[in-house]
Protein backbone atom coordinates (compact mmCIF):
# COMPACT_ATOMS: atom_id res chain seq x y z
CA MET A 1 108.55 83.84 58.79
CA LEU A 2 111.35 84.28 55.77
CA ARG A 3 114.16 82.18 55.33
CA LEU A 4 116.82 82.58 52.35
CA GLU A 5 119.11 80.07 52.60
CA CYS A 6 121.70 80.83 49.58
CA ARG A 7 124.92 79.18 49.05
CA SER A 8 125.41 81.58 45.94
CA TYR A 9 123.93 83.84 43.13
CA THR A 10 125.17 85.23 40.58
CA TYR A 11 124.14 87.45 37.71
CA PRO A 12 123.44 86.92 34.72
CA GLY A 13 126.73 86.92 32.53
CA ALA A 14 128.92 87.53 35.79
CA ARG A 15 131.73 85.46 36.41
CA VAL A 16 132.22 85.81 40.65
CA ALA A 17 128.72 85.29 42.64
CA ALA A 18 127.17 88.18 44.44
CA LEU A 19 126.24 86.32 47.21
CA ARG A 20 127.56 83.42 48.87
CA GLU A 21 126.57 81.23 52.25
CA ILE A 22 123.71 83.25 53.10
CA ASP A 23 121.47 81.90 55.43
CA LEU A 24 119.21 84.50 56.61
CA VAL A 25 115.81 84.64 59.06
CA VAL A 26 113.22 87.40 59.24
CA PRO A 27 110.56 86.05 61.91
CA HIS A 28 106.53 87.68 61.84
CA GLY A 29 107.20 90.64 63.74
CA GLY A 30 111.11 91.26 63.60
CA VAL A 31 113.09 93.84 62.09
CA VAL A 32 116.98 93.08 60.80
CA GLY A 33 118.71 95.38 59.52
CA VAL A 34 121.32 95.10 56.86
CA VAL A 35 124.53 97.24 57.44
CA GLY A 36 127.59 97.19 55.18
CA ALA A 37 130.19 99.18 52.65
CA ASN A 38 129.21 100.23 49.34
CA GLU A 39 129.25 97.03 47.27
CA SER A 40 128.71 94.60 50.29
CA GLY A 41 125.94 92.71 48.22
CA LYS A 42 123.23 94.36 50.41
CA SER A 43 121.13 95.17 47.40
CA SER A 44 122.11 91.79 45.88
CA LEU A 45 120.17 90.12 49.13
CA CYS A 46 117.22 92.49 48.80
CA LEU A 47 116.71 91.41 45.28
CA VAL A 48 117.48 87.34 46.03
CA ALA A 49 115.05 87.49 49.14
CA SER A 50 112.02 88.96 47.40
CA GLY A 51 112.21 86.97 44.63
CA MET A 52 113.05 89.44 42.15
CA ALA A 53 116.20 88.08 41.81
CA PRO A 54 116.45 85.69 39.80
CA GLY A 55 112.90 85.88 39.28
CA VAL A 56 112.95 89.38 37.25
CA VAL A 57 116.05 90.20 37.10
CA GLY A 58 117.92 86.45 35.82
CA GLY A 59 120.99 84.89 36.95
CA ALA A 60 121.67 81.64 38.62
CA LEU A 61 120.41 80.90 42.29
CA GLU A 62 121.66 77.94 44.84
CA GLY A 63 119.21 77.39 47.03
CA ARG A 64 115.80 78.46 47.90
CA LEU A 65 113.98 81.18 49.48
CA GLU A 66 111.05 80.37 52.28
CA ILE A 67 108.51 82.67 53.46
CA ASP A 68 106.25 80.90 55.97
CA GLY A 69 107.49 77.59 55.67
CA GLU A 70 106.32 77.30 51.66
CA THR A 71 109.01 77.39 48.89
CA MET A 72 108.82 79.98 46.92
CA THR A 73 112.61 79.04 44.44
CA GLY A 74 110.50 78.99 40.83
CA ARG A 75 107.17 80.52 41.67
CA PRO A 76 106.27 83.10 39.64
CA VAL A 77 107.01 86.94 40.89
CA PHE A 78 103.50 87.70 41.05
CA GLU A 79 102.50 85.02 43.69
CA ILE A 80 105.52 85.79 45.88
CA ALA A 81 104.74 90.29 45.80
CA GLN A 82 101.62 88.65 47.82
CA ARG A 83 103.78 87.54 50.56
CA VAL A 84 107.23 89.90 50.63
CA GLY A 85 107.21 93.44 49.35
CA LEU A 86 110.08 95.10 47.80
CA GLY A 87 110.69 99.32 48.19
CA LEU A 88 113.53 100.44 46.33
CA ALA A 89 116.41 103.02 47.09
CA ASN A 90 114.09 105.72 44.38
CA PRO A 91 110.73 106.03 44.78
CA VAL A 92 110.01 107.99 41.75
CA SER A 93 111.36 104.93 39.69
CA GLN A 94 108.84 103.05 41.48
CA LEU A 95 106.03 104.98 40.47
CA SER A 96 103.58 103.99 37.38
CA GLY A 97 103.32 107.21 35.82
CA GLN A 98 99.96 105.98 34.41
CA THR A 99 98.13 107.82 37.71
CA LEU A 100 96.41 110.69 38.39
CA THR A 101 96.25 110.24 42.61
CA VAL A 102 97.26 108.98 45.15
CA PHE A 103 94.64 106.48 45.50
CA GLU A 104 94.80 105.40 42.07
CA GLU A 105 98.26 104.52 41.97
CA VAL A 106 98.33 102.74 45.72
CA ALA A 107 95.02 100.47 44.25
CA LEU A 108 97.54 99.16 40.99
CA GLY A 109 98.89 96.28 43.36
CA PRO A 110 95.09 95.10 44.34
CA MET A 111 93.49 95.58 41.00
CA ASN A 112 96.01 93.46 38.43
CA LEU A 113 95.70 90.57 41.76
CA GLY A 114 91.75 90.61 40.23
CA LEU A 115 90.46 92.23 43.36
CA ASP A 116 86.81 93.28 43.36
CA ALA A 117 86.26 97.34 43.15
CA ALA A 118 85.23 96.94 47.41
CA ARG A 119 87.94 94.95 48.57
CA THR A 120 90.76 97.35 46.46
CA VAL A 121 89.25 100.70 47.77
CA GLN A 122 89.17 98.55 51.52
CA ARG A 123 93.21 97.63 50.80
CA VAL A 124 93.76 101.15 49.81
CA GLU A 125 91.94 102.87 52.27
CA ALA A 126 94.16 100.67 55.08
CA ALA A 127 97.07 101.28 53.51
CA LEU A 128 97.31 105.03 53.17
CA ALA A 129 96.28 105.22 56.94
CA ALA A 130 98.73 102.96 57.79
CA VAL A 131 101.38 105.28 57.16
CA ARG A 132 99.50 107.92 57.14
CA ILE A 133 98.89 109.74 54.14
CA GLY A 134 95.13 109.40 53.72
CA HIS A 135 95.06 112.91 53.19
CA LEU A 136 96.99 112.75 49.55
CA ALA A 137 94.49 110.48 48.35
CA LEU A 138 93.50 112.49 46.06
CA GLN A 139 96.78 114.97 45.02
CA PRO A 140 98.63 113.44 41.95
CA PRO A 141 102.18 111.36 42.99
CA THR A 142 104.14 113.97 40.43
CA GLU A 143 103.16 116.48 42.75
CA LEU A 144 104.38 115.01 46.16
CA SER A 145 107.60 115.58 48.23
CA GLY A 146 110.70 112.83 48.76
CA GLY A 147 109.45 111.76 51.98
CA GLU A 148 106.00 111.39 50.71
CA THR A 149 106.52 109.73 47.51
CA GLN A 150 108.59 107.37 49.45
CA LEU A 151 105.46 106.72 51.58
CA VAL A 152 103.05 106.30 48.61
CA VAL A 153 105.07 103.11 47.44
CA ILE A 154 105.49 101.73 51.26
CA ALA A 155 101.58 101.82 51.00
CA GLY A 156 101.42 99.97 47.42
CA LEU A 157 103.73 97.38 49.18
CA LEU A 158 101.20 97.37 51.82
CA ALA A 159 97.71 97.02 49.63
CA MET A 160 99.03 94.05 48.34
CA GLU A 161 98.98 92.78 52.20
CA PRO A 162 102.57 90.94 51.94
CA SER A 163 103.48 89.38 55.02
CA HIS A 164 106.62 90.91 55.29
CA LEU A 165 108.23 94.27 53.52
CA ILE A 166 111.91 94.45 52.31
CA LEU A 167 112.93 98.25 51.65
CA ASP A 168 115.99 99.04 50.21
CA GLU A 169 117.76 102.41 51.81
CA PRO A 170 114.55 103.68 51.79
CA THR A 171 115.94 107.30 52.80
CA SER A 172 119.01 107.19 51.06
CA GLU A 173 117.40 110.16 48.36
CA LEU A 174 115.16 112.33 50.85
CA ASP A 175 116.24 115.42 52.84
CA PRO A 176 115.80 115.16 56.78
CA ILE A 177 112.61 116.23 56.78
CA GLY A 178 111.46 113.26 54.28
CA THR A 179 113.81 111.13 56.37
CA ARG A 180 112.00 111.38 59.80
CA LEU A 181 108.68 111.36 57.87
CA VAL A 182 109.54 107.66 56.59
CA ALA A 183 111.45 107.14 60.16
CA GLU A 184 108.02 107.49 61.78
CA VAL A 185 105.98 105.12 59.56
CA LEU A 186 108.88 102.35 59.99
CA HIS A 187 108.34 103.03 63.58
CA GLU A 188 104.66 102.60 63.86
CA LEU A 189 104.74 99.39 61.39
CA ALA A 190 107.11 97.46 63.25
CA HIS A 191 105.31 98.30 66.43
CA ARG A 192 101.91 96.53 64.72
CA GLY A 193 103.78 93.67 63.86
CA THR A 194 105.24 94.12 60.59
CA ALA A 195 108.14 92.03 59.78
CA LEU A 196 111.23 94.32 57.97
CA LEU A 197 114.41 93.89 56.12
CA ILE A 198 115.72 97.12 56.02
CA VAL A 199 119.10 97.85 54.00
CA GLU A 200 119.76 101.81 55.31
CA HIS A 201 123.36 103.49 55.35
CA ARG A 202 121.91 105.96 58.22
CA THR A 203 122.53 103.57 61.27
CA ASP A 204 120.17 106.18 63.08
CA LEU A 205 117.60 105.23 61.33
CA LEU A 206 118.26 101.40 62.35
CA ASP A 207 119.31 102.06 66.34
CA GLY A 208 116.09 101.87 67.94
CA LEU A 209 114.23 100.48 65.42
CA CYS A 210 115.71 96.81 64.46
CA ASP A 211 115.81 93.79 66.94
CA ARG A 212 118.50 92.70 64.83
CA ILE A 213 121.40 93.66 62.70
CA VAL A 214 123.25 92.10 59.74
CA VAL A 215 126.41 92.69 58.45
CA MET A 216 127.67 92.18 54.79
CA ASP A 217 130.78 92.07 53.45
CA SER A 218 132.09 91.18 49.70
CA GLY A 219 128.46 89.09 49.14
CA ARG A 220 128.83 87.24 52.81
CA ILE A 221 126.60 87.73 55.72
CA VAL A 222 130.28 88.44 58.59
CA ASP A 223 127.90 89.44 61.55
CA GLU A 224 125.34 89.60 62.83
CA GLY A 225 123.02 89.69 66.54
CA PRO A 226 121.30 92.43 68.43
CA ALA A 227 121.05 95.34 67.26
CA GLU A 228 122.66 97.29 70.06
CA THR A 229 125.67 95.40 70.34
CA ILE A 230 126.54 95.43 66.23
CA LEU A 231 125.83 98.73 66.47
CA GLY A 232 127.39 99.24 69.33
CA GLN A 233 130.94 97.86 68.22
CA PRO A 234 134.17 99.95 68.15
CA GLY A 235 135.23 98.80 65.32
CA ILE A 236 132.16 98.67 63.01
CA ALA A 237 133.96 102.04 61.08
CA ASP A 238 136.71 99.97 60.11
CA ARG A 239 134.03 98.00 57.84
CA GLY A 240 132.54 101.38 56.31
CA ILE A 241 129.69 101.42 58.61
CA GLU A 242 129.20 104.94 60.70
CA PRO A 243 128.04 104.42 63.71
CA PRO A 244 124.67 105.93 65.46
CA ALA A 245 125.02 109.17 66.66
CA ARG A 246 124.76 108.57 70.13
CA PHE A 247 128.17 106.17 69.35
CA ARG A 248 129.82 108.71 68.24
CA LEU A 249 129.30 111.19 71.00
CA SER A 250 129.49 108.73 73.66
CA ARG A 251 133.20 107.90 72.28
CA ALA A 252 133.81 111.83 71.70
CA LEU A 253 133.11 112.50 75.62
CA GLU A 254 135.12 109.48 76.95
CA ALA A 255 138.09 110.26 74.79
CA ALA A 256 137.75 113.96 76.31
CA GLY A 257 137.15 112.74 79.63
CA GLY A 258 133.22 112.73 79.92
CA ALA A 259 131.35 109.63 81.54
CA VAL A 260 128.35 110.12 79.34
CA GLY A 261 127.33 106.30 78.09
CA PRO A 262 125.36 105.39 74.87
CA GLY A 263 121.87 104.53 76.50
CA SER A 264 121.89 108.36 78.51
CA LEU A 265 122.85 109.92 74.91
CA ARG A 266 119.58 108.21 73.26
CA GLN A 267 117.07 109.80 76.06
CA ALA A 268 118.75 113.41 75.34
CA LEU A 269 118.87 112.74 71.95
CA GLY A 270 115.34 112.61 72.59
CA GLY A 271 115.35 109.53 71.67
CA TRP A 272 114.23 107.59 68.32
CA PRO A 273 114.13 108.59 65.67
CA HIS A 274 117.02 110.90 65.05
CA PRO A 275 118.13 111.22 60.96
């Protein structure tokens, strides 16, 4: 279980805290989505929950990060990275630029941990299989599509064997095909019991994937609950959050005199995912 208790987090040189009064729990096997308008603190939450802030970014944290019952606050970043992996919106920025093949790229993490060759190969093969890109193992990382590149980044995180994955807008720079590739893999990881914290403005991706949804505004968690309840709130759009397509269509039909509910529309839309 990952738990973040954050009274406040302030970036270096900032006068106002980016996060305040955060109490976030991501249980083993849980999938928690984070939504909110721009500048609501979602990316800051990812950085602090992964230990990157203040570990790498700097700044001042009042609170603690706990993973599997152990306090991570103040520990070296490489130790935290073995427990929780962080994926950013731009996958290209997370490539090393130093490898010739996808296999080598994914192997960098285990190698930096000092694992021997046999264990490194085992982890890489398992990670590539988990995200269904074993066929890309010998491809140059620079010649992949956006969706494939994001899957390489996720495989690199999985090769570190963290207990939790935090993904900040994993489909924000992807086309519909790339979005579907990533969405299907996240769906599989969730079913395998991987604990996921996902920030995503495309709520269709979160719909049907997440157990719970956290709503952020001005650096605070202002609402949370079951995904169906939060994403289906009539006033969610007023918070700068676009409802999933099935809720939008259901309300449009209701306004036109129809009576088809969101559940029926999910089936009509072909189930999840539908980016």
